[in-house]
Amino acid sequence: MVPLSYYLVLSGILFTCGVLGFLIKRNIITIFMSIELMLNGVNLSFVAFAAHWQALSGQVFVFFVMVVAAAETAVGLAIIIAVFRTRATLNVDHVNLLKL
């Protein structure tokens, strides 16, 4: 059996990679993928704790997080496509929709 600490370390690494990708990258798609990576890191820790405590609450919460992430993906990709069609770029620095 794999110890709980291994899962938590992997979860922390996934979350840290997501945060670094979110802060460093300038492409909207990469930022979007980094957010999903952070969500998956948190989901892994929920499942690890649920398996450690032999409770189903962690898996149920992960299911709801995945449902919200799927809805976020659908809406987010629609917004990204709309931004690309109007601005012809996916660089965050060049997309200034709220500025006049």
N, C-alpha and C. Protein backbone atom coordinates (compact mmCIF):
# COMPACT_ATOMS: atom_id res chain seq x y z
N MET A 1 0.84 -1.18 0.00
CA MET A 1 0.00 0.00 0.00
C MET A 1 0.89 1.25 0.00
N VAL A 2 0.51 2.21 -0.79
CA VAL A 2 1.28 3.45 -0.92
C VAL A 2 0.90 4.39 0.22
N PRO A 3 1.88 4.98 0.90
CA PRO A 3 1.56 5.89 2.01
C PRO A 3 0.84 7.16 1.53
N LEU A 4 0.09 7.75 2.44
CA LEU A 4 -0.67 8.96 2.14
C LEU A 4 0.24 10.11 1.75
N SER A 5 1.42 10.18 2.33
CA SER A 5 2.33 11.29 2.05
C SER A 5 2.76 11.32 0.59
N TYR A 6 2.88 10.16 -0.05
CA TYR A 6 3.26 10.14 -1.47
C TYR A 6 2.19 10.81 -2.32
N TYR A 7 0.94 10.50 -2.02
CA TYR A 7 -0.16 11.12 -2.77
C TYR A 7 -0.21 12.63 -2.54
N LEU A 8 0.04 13.04 -1.31
CA LEU A 8 0.00 14.47 -1.01
C LEU A 8 1.16 15.22 -1.65
N VAL A 9 2.33 14.58 -1.71
CA VAL A 9 3.47 15.20 -2.40
C VAL A 9 3.17 15.35 -3.89
N LEU A 10 2.62 14.30 -4.50
CA LEU A 10 2.26 14.38 -5.91
C LEU A 10 1.18 15.43 -6.14
N SER A 11 0.22 15.50 -5.24
CA SER A 11 -0.82 16.52 -5.34
C SER A 11 -0.23 17.92 -5.25
N GLY A 12 0.70 18.10 -4.34
CA GLY A 12 1.36 19.41 -4.21
C GLY A 12 2.18 19.76 -5.43
N ILE A 13 2.83 18.78 -6.02
CA ILE A 13 3.61 19.03 -7.24
C ILE A 13 2.69 19.43 -8.38
N LEU A 14 1.56 18.72 -8.54
CA LEU A 14 0.60 19.07 -9.58
C LEU A 14 0.06 20.49 -9.38
N PHE A 15 -0.30 20.80 -8.14
CA PHE A 15 -0.84 22.13 -7.87
C PHE A 15 0.20 23.21 -8.10
N THR A 16 1.44 22.96 -7.71
CA THR A 16 2.52 23.93 -7.91
C THR A 16 2.80 24.14 -9.39
N CYS A 17 2.79 23.07 -10.18
CA CYS A 17 2.97 23.21 -11.63
C CYS A 17 1.84 24.04 -12.23
N GLY A 18 0.64 23.84 -11.74
CA GLY A 18 -0.48 24.63 -12.22
C GLY A 18 -0.34 26.10 -11.87
N VAL A 19 0.08 26.40 -10.65
CA VAL A 19 0.26 27.79 -10.23
C VAL A 19 1.37 28.45 -11.04
N LEU A 20 2.47 27.74 -11.24
CA LEU A 20 3.57 28.31 -12.02
C LEU A 20 3.15 28.55 -13.47
N GLY A 21 2.42 27.62 -14.05
CA GLY A 21 1.92 27.81 -15.41
C GLY A 21 0.97 28.98 -15.50
N PHE A 22 0.15 29.15 -14.48
CA PHE A 22 -0.80 30.27 -14.47
C PHE A 22 -0.07 31.61 -14.36
N LEU A 23 0.97 31.65 -13.55
CA LEU A 23 1.67 32.92 -13.33
C LEU A 23 2.67 33.26 -14.43
N ILE A 24 3.26 32.27 -15.06
CA ILE A 24 4.34 32.52 -16.02
C ILE A 24 3.84 32.65 -17.45
N LYS A 25 2.95 31.78 -17.86
CA LYS A 25 2.54 31.72 -19.26
C LYS A 25 1.64 32.90 -19.63
N ARG A 26 1.64 33.26 -20.88
CA ARG A 26 0.84 34.37 -21.38
C ARG A 26 -0.24 33.92 -22.35
N ASN A 27 -0.30 32.65 -22.67
CA ASN A 27 -1.29 32.13 -23.60
C ASN A 27 -2.55 31.74 -22.84
N ILE A 28 -3.71 32.12 -23.33
CA ILE A 28 -4.96 31.84 -22.63
C ILE A 28 -5.20 30.34 -22.49
N ILE A 29 -4.88 29.57 -23.52
CA ILE A 29 -5.08 28.12 -23.47
C ILE A 29 -4.19 27.50 -22.40
N THR A 30 -2.96 27.94 -22.31
CA THR A 30 -2.04 27.41 -21.31
C THR A 30 -2.49 27.78 -19.90
N ILE A 31 -2.98 28.98 -19.73
CA ILE A 31 -3.52 29.40 -18.43
C ILE A 31 -4.72 28.55 -18.06
N PHE A 32 -5.57 28.29 -19.02
CA PHE A 32 -6.75 27.47 -18.81
C PHE A 32 -6.36 26.04 -18.41
N MET A 33 -5.36 25.49 -19.08
CA MET A 33 -4.88 24.15 -18.74
C MET A 33 -4.22 24.13 -17.36
N SER A 34 -3.58 25.22 -16.97
CA SER A 34 -2.96 25.31 -15.65
C SER A 34 -4.02 25.31 -14.55
N ILE A 35 -5.13 25.96 -14.79
CA ILE A 35 -6.23 25.95 -13.82
C ILE A 35 -6.77 24.53 -13.66
N GLU A 36 -6.91 23.82 -14.76
CA GLU A 36 -7.38 22.44 -14.69
C GLU A 36 -6.37 21.55 -13.96
N LEU A 37 -5.08 21.82 -14.13
CA LEU A 37 -4.05 21.06 -13.43
C LEU A 37 -4.13 21.30 -11.92
N MET A 38 -4.40 22.54 -11.53
CA MET A 38 -4.58 22.83 -10.11
C MET A 38 -5.80 22.10 -9.55
N LEU A 39 -6.89 22.07 -10.29
CA LEU A 39 -8.08 21.35 -9.85
C LEU A 39 -7.80 19.86 -9.70
N ASN A 40 -7.03 19.29 -10.62
CA ASN A 40 -6.70 17.87 -10.53
C ASN A 40 -5.78 17.57 -9.34
N GLY A 41 -4.89 18.49 -9.02
CA GLY A 41 -4.05 18.31 -7.84
C GLY A 41 -4.88 18.28 -6.56
N VAL A 42 -5.85 19.16 -6.46
CA VAL A 42 -6.74 19.19 -5.30
C VAL A 42 -7.61 17.94 -5.26
N ASN A 43 -8.09 17.51 -6.43
CA ASN A 43 -8.90 16.29 -6.48
C ASN A 43 -8.11 15.08 -6.01
N LEU A 44 -6.84 15.01 -6.37
CA LEU A 44 -6.01 13.89 -5.93
C LEU A 44 -5.88 13.88 -4.41
N SER A 45 -5.73 15.03 -3.81
CA SER A 45 -5.63 15.06 -2.35
C SER A 45 -6.95 14.68 -1.69
N PHE A 46 -8.08 15.09 -2.27
CA PHE A 46 -9.38 14.67 -1.74
C PHE A 46 -9.53 13.16 -1.78
N VAL A 47 -9.18 12.57 -2.91
CA VAL A 47 -9.30 11.11 -3.04
C VAL A 47 -8.32 10.39 -2.10
N ALA A 48 -7.13 10.92 -1.94
CA ALA A 48 -6.15 10.30 -1.05
C ALA A 48 -6.63 10.32 0.39
N PHE A 49 -7.15 11.47 0.84
CA PHE A 49 -7.65 11.55 2.21
C PHE A 49 -8.88 10.66 2.39
N ALA A 50 -9.75 10.60 1.39
CA ALA A 50 -10.94 9.75 1.50
C ALA A 50 -10.55 8.28 1.57
N ALA A 51 -9.55 7.88 0.81
CA ALA A 51 -9.10 6.49 0.87
C ALA A 51 -8.40 6.19 2.19
N HIS A 52 -7.68 7.17 2.70
CA HIS A 52 -6.97 6.98 3.97
C HIS A 52 -7.96 6.82 5.12
N TRP A 53 -9.03 7.63 5.12
CA TRP A 53 -10.03 7.57 6.18
C TRP A 53 -11.18 6.63 5.86
N GLN A 54 -11.13 5.97 4.73
CA GLN A 54 -12.16 5.04 4.26
C GLN A 54 -13.55 5.66 4.31
N ALA A 55 -13.67 6.82 3.69
CA ALA A 55 -14.95 7.54 3.61
C ALA A 55 -15.20 7.87 2.15
N LEU A 56 -16.45 7.94 1.79
CA LEU A 56 -16.81 8.27 0.41
C LEU A 56 -16.99 9.76 0.18
N SER A 57 -16.92 10.55 1.21
CA SER A 57 -17.18 11.98 1.05
C SER A 57 -16.16 12.65 0.13
N GLY A 58 -14.91 12.20 0.16
CA GLY A 58 -13.90 12.78 -0.73
C GLY A 58 -14.19 12.50 -2.19
N GLN A 59 -14.61 11.27 -2.50
CA GLN A 59 -14.93 10.92 -3.88
C GLN A 59 -16.16 11.68 -4.36
N VAL A 60 -17.13 11.86 -3.48
CA VAL A 60 -18.34 12.61 -3.85
C VAL A 60 -17.99 14.06 -4.14
N PHE A 61 -17.13 14.63 -3.30
CA PHE A 61 -16.73 16.02 -3.52
C PHE A 61 -15.93 16.15 -4.82
N VAL A 62 -15.08 15.18 -5.12
CA VAL A 62 -14.33 15.19 -6.38
C VAL A 62 -15.28 15.12 -7.57
N PHE A 63 -16.33 14.32 -7.44
CA PHE A 63 -17.32 14.24 -8.52
C PHE A 63 -17.94 15.61 -8.79
N PHE A 64 -18.31 16.33 -7.74
CA PHE A 64 -18.89 17.65 -7.93
C PHE A 64 -17.87 18.64 -8.50
N VAL A 65 -16.61 18.54 -8.07
CA VAL A 65 -15.57 19.41 -8.63
C VAL A 65 -15.40 19.12 -10.12
N MET A 66 -15.45 17.85 -10.51
CA MET A 66 -15.32 17.50 -11.92
C MET A 66 -16.50 18.01 -12.74
N VAL A 67 -17.69 18.00 -12.17
CA VAL A 67 -18.86 18.53 -12.88
C VAL A 67 -18.71 20.03 -13.08
N VAL A 68 -18.28 20.72 -12.06
CA VAL A 68 -18.07 22.17 -12.18
C VAL A 68 -16.93 22.46 -13.17
N ALA A 69 -15.88 21.65 -13.16
CA ALA A 69 -14.76 21.84 -14.09
C ALA A 69 -15.21 21.60 -15.53
N ALA A 70 -16.09 20.64 -15.74
CA ALA A 70 -16.60 20.40 -17.10
C ALA A 70 -17.43 21.58 -17.59
N ALA A 71 -18.25 22.13 -16.72
CA ALA A 71 -19.03 23.31 -17.10
C ALA A 71 -18.11 24.50 -17.34
N GLU A 72 -17.09 24.64 -16.50
CA GLU A 72 -16.13 25.72 -16.69
C GLU A 72 -15.38 25.57 -18.00
N THR A 73 -15.06 24.35 -18.36
CA THR A 73 -14.37 24.11 -19.62
C THR A 73 -15.24 24.49 -20.81
N ALA A 74 -16.49 24.12 -20.77
CA ALA A 74 -17.39 24.45 -21.88
C ALA A 74 -17.54 25.95 -22.04
N VAL A 75 -17.79 26.64 -20.94
CA VAL A 75 -17.97 28.10 -21.00
C VAL A 75 -16.64 28.79 -21.32
N GLY A 76 -15.56 28.32 -20.69
CA GLY A 76 -14.25 28.94 -20.92
C GLY A 76 -13.78 28.80 -22.35
N LEU A 77 -13.96 27.63 -22.94
CA LEU A 77 -13.54 27.46 -24.33
C LEU A 77 -14.40 28.30 -25.28
N ALA A 78 -15.67 28.46 -24.97
CA ALA A 78 -16.52 29.33 -25.79
C ALA A 78 -16.03 30.78 -25.71
N ILE A 79 -15.66 31.22 -24.53
CA ILE A 79 -15.14 32.58 -24.37
C ILE A 79 -13.80 32.72 -25.09
N ILE A 80 -12.94 31.72 -24.99
CA ILE A 80 -11.65 31.78 -25.66
C ILE A 80 -11.82 31.85 -27.17
N ILE A 81 -12.74 31.08 -27.71
CA ILE A 81 -13.01 31.12 -29.16
C ILE A 81 -13.54 32.48 -29.56
N ALA A 82 -14.43 33.05 -28.76
CA ALA A 82 -14.97 34.38 -29.06
C ALA A 82 -13.87 35.44 -29.02
N VAL A 83 -12.99 35.36 -28.04
CA VAL A 83 -11.88 36.32 -27.95
C VAL A 83 -10.95 36.16 -29.14
N PHE A 84 -10.66 34.93 -29.52
CA PHE A 84 -9.77 34.72 -30.66
C PHE A 84 -10.38 35.24 -31.95
N ARG A 85 -11.67 35.08 -32.12
CA ARG A 85 -12.32 35.57 -33.34
C ARG A 85 -12.32 37.09 -33.41
N THR A 86 -12.44 37.76 -32.27
CA THR A 86 -12.48 39.22 -32.30
C THR A 86 -11.09 39.84 -32.29
N ARG A 87 -10.14 39.25 -31.56
CA ARG A 87 -8.81 39.84 -31.42
C ARG A 87 -7.73 39.17 -32.26
N ALA A 88 -7.97 37.97 -32.74
CA ALA A 88 -7.01 37.20 -33.55
C ALA A 88 -5.71 36.91 -32.81
N THR A 89 -5.78 36.84 -31.49
CA THR A 89 -4.63 36.47 -30.68
C THR A 89 -5.11 35.80 -29.41
N LEU A 90 -4.24 34.98 -28.83
CA LEU A 90 -4.54 34.35 -27.55
C LEU A 90 -3.58 34.80 -26.47
N ASN A 91 -2.79 35.82 -26.76
CA ASN A 91 -1.86 36.37 -25.78
C ASN A 91 -2.63 37.25 -24.81
N VAL A 92 -2.44 37.01 -23.51
CA VAL A 92 -3.17 37.75 -22.50
C VAL A 92 -2.82 39.23 -22.52
N ASP A 93 -1.59 39.56 -22.85
CA ASP A 93 -1.17 40.96 -22.87
C ASP A 93 -1.85 41.75 -23.99
N HIS A 94 -2.20 41.07 -25.08
CA HIS A 94 -2.82 41.76 -26.21
C HIS A 94 -4.35 41.77 -26.15
N VAL A 95 -4.91 40.99 -25.26
CA VAL A 95 -6.36 40.93 -25.13
C VAL A 95 -6.76 41.92 -24.03
N ASN A 96 -7.32 43.02 -24.44
CA ASN A 96 -7.76 44.03 -23.49
C ASN A 96 -9.20 44.42 -23.82
N LEU A 97 -10.10 43.51 -23.58
CA LEU A 97 -11.50 43.70 -23.94
C LEU A 97 -12.18 44.76 -23.10
N LEU A 98 -11.75 44.97 -21.87
CA LEU A 98 -12.42 45.90 -20.98
C LEU A 98 -11.88 47.32 -21.07
N LYS A 99 -10.79 47.48 -21.82
CA LYS A 99 -10.25 48.82 -21.99
C LYS A 99 -10.91 49.52 -23.16
N LEU A 100 -11.00 50.82 -23.10
CA LEU A 100 -11.57 51.59 -24.21
C LEU A 100 -10.54 52.00 -25.22
